[in-house]
N, C-alpha and C. Protein backbone atom coordinates (compact mmCIF):
# COMPACT_ATOMS: atom_id res chain seq x y z
N MET A 1 4.40 17.28 25.48
CA MET A 1 3.37 17.83 24.61
C MET A 1 3.84 19.14 23.97
N PHE A 2 4.74 19.87 24.64
CA PHE A 2 5.18 21.17 24.14
C PHE A 2 6.01 21.03 22.87
N MET A 3 6.57 19.84 22.61
CA MET A 3 7.36 19.63 21.40
C MET A 3 6.48 19.68 20.15
N MET A 4 5.20 19.35 20.29
CA MET A 4 4.30 19.37 19.15
C MET A 4 4.16 20.80 18.60
N ASN A 5 4.17 21.79 19.52
CA ASN A 5 4.05 23.18 19.07
C ASN A 5 5.35 23.65 18.41
N LYS A 6 6.48 23.13 18.85
CA LYS A 6 7.76 23.53 18.28
C LYS A 6 7.95 22.94 16.89
N TYR A 7 7.55 21.69 16.70
CA TYR A 7 7.79 21.00 15.43
C TYR A 7 6.47 20.47 14.86
N PRO A 8 5.65 21.35 14.27
CA PRO A 8 4.35 20.88 13.76
C PRO A 8 4.49 19.93 12.58
N LYS A 9 5.49 20.18 11.70
CA LYS A 9 5.66 19.31 10.54
C LYS A 9 6.13 17.93 10.97
N LEU A 10 7.08 17.91 11.90
CA LEU A 10 7.60 16.63 12.40
C LEU A 10 6.47 15.85 13.08
N ASP A 11 5.65 16.54 13.85
CA ASP A 11 4.54 15.89 14.53
C ASP A 11 3.56 15.30 13.53
N ALA A 12 3.32 16.03 12.43
CA ALA A 12 2.40 15.53 11.40
C ALA A 12 2.97 14.28 10.75
N ASN A 13 4.29 14.28 10.47
CA ASN A 13 4.92 13.10 9.87
C ASN A 13 4.83 11.91 10.80
N ILE A 14 5.07 12.13 12.09
CA ILE A 14 4.99 11.03 13.06
C ILE A 14 3.57 10.49 13.13
N ARG A 15 2.59 11.40 13.06
CA ARG A 15 1.20 10.96 13.11
C ARG A 15 0.85 10.13 11.89
N ILE A 16 1.32 10.54 10.71
CA ILE A 16 1.03 9.79 9.48
C ILE A 16 1.69 8.41 9.56
N LEU A 17 2.95 8.38 10.03
CA LEU A 17 3.67 7.11 10.12
C LEU A 17 2.98 6.18 11.11
N SER A 18 2.59 6.71 12.28
CA SER A 18 1.95 5.86 13.29
C SER A 18 0.59 5.39 12.80
N ASN A 19 -0.09 6.22 12.02
CA ASN A 19 -1.38 5.82 11.46
C ASN A 19 -1.20 4.66 10.49
N LYS A 20 -0.19 4.78 9.60
CA LYS A 20 0.09 3.69 8.65
C LYS A 20 0.50 2.43 9.41
N TYR A 21 1.34 2.59 10.44
CA TYR A 21 1.83 1.44 11.20
C TYR A 21 0.68 0.74 11.91
N SER A 22 -0.25 1.53 12.47
CA SER A 22 -1.38 0.92 13.18
C SER A 22 -2.28 0.17 12.20
N LYS A 23 -2.42 0.70 10.97
CA LYS A 23 -3.22 -0.01 9.97
C LYS A 23 -2.55 -1.32 9.59
N ILE A 24 -1.22 -1.30 9.42
CA ILE A 24 -0.49 -2.52 9.06
C ILE A 24 -0.63 -3.55 10.18
N VAL A 25 -0.49 -3.12 11.42
CA VAL A 25 -0.62 -4.04 12.56
C VAL A 25 -2.04 -4.61 12.61
N PHE A 26 -3.03 -3.75 12.35
CA PHE A 26 -4.42 -4.21 12.36
C PHE A 26 -4.64 -5.29 11.31
N PHE A 27 -4.13 -5.04 10.08
CA PHE A 27 -4.32 -6.03 9.02
C PHE A 27 -3.57 -7.32 9.32
N LEU A 28 -2.37 -7.21 9.90
CA LEU A 28 -1.61 -8.41 10.24
C LEU A 28 -2.37 -9.24 11.27
N ASN A 29 -2.91 -8.57 12.29
CA ASN A 29 -3.68 -9.29 13.31
C ASN A 29 -4.93 -9.92 12.70
N PHE A 30 -5.61 -9.15 11.84
CA PHE A 30 -6.83 -9.63 11.20
C PHE A 30 -6.55 -10.88 10.37
N TYR A 31 -5.51 -10.80 9.51
CA TYR A 31 -5.21 -11.94 8.64
C TYR A 31 -4.70 -13.13 9.42
N SER A 32 -3.92 -12.88 10.48
CA SER A 32 -3.41 -14.01 11.26
C SER A 32 -4.56 -14.72 11.98
N VAL A 33 -5.53 -13.96 12.47
CA VAL A 33 -6.67 -14.58 13.15
C VAL A 33 -7.47 -15.42 12.17
N TRP A 34 -7.76 -14.86 10.98
CA TRP A 34 -8.55 -15.62 10.00
C TRP A 34 -7.75 -16.77 9.43
N GLY A 35 -6.42 -16.60 9.27
CA GLY A 35 -5.57 -17.67 8.78
C GLY A 35 -5.56 -18.85 9.74
N ILE A 36 -5.51 -18.55 11.05
CA ILE A 36 -5.51 -19.63 12.05
C ILE A 36 -6.87 -20.34 12.03
N ARG A 37 -7.96 -19.60 11.83
CA ARG A 37 -9.29 -20.21 11.83
C ARG A 37 -9.49 -21.14 10.65
N PHE A 38 -8.90 -20.78 9.50
CA PHE A 38 -9.14 -21.57 8.28
C PHE A 38 -8.09 -22.65 8.06
N LEU A 39 -7.09 -22.72 8.91
CA LEU A 39 -6.06 -23.75 8.73
C LEU A 39 -6.63 -25.14 9.08
């Protein structure tokens, strides 16, 4: 946790990237579930 205080900009970039990645994973799961249901 102490690394976040040392590198605030790096931590912000990692947070933005992980946020985008989690949204992409969410949409992939969502579309795959609906795709399987409608096949």
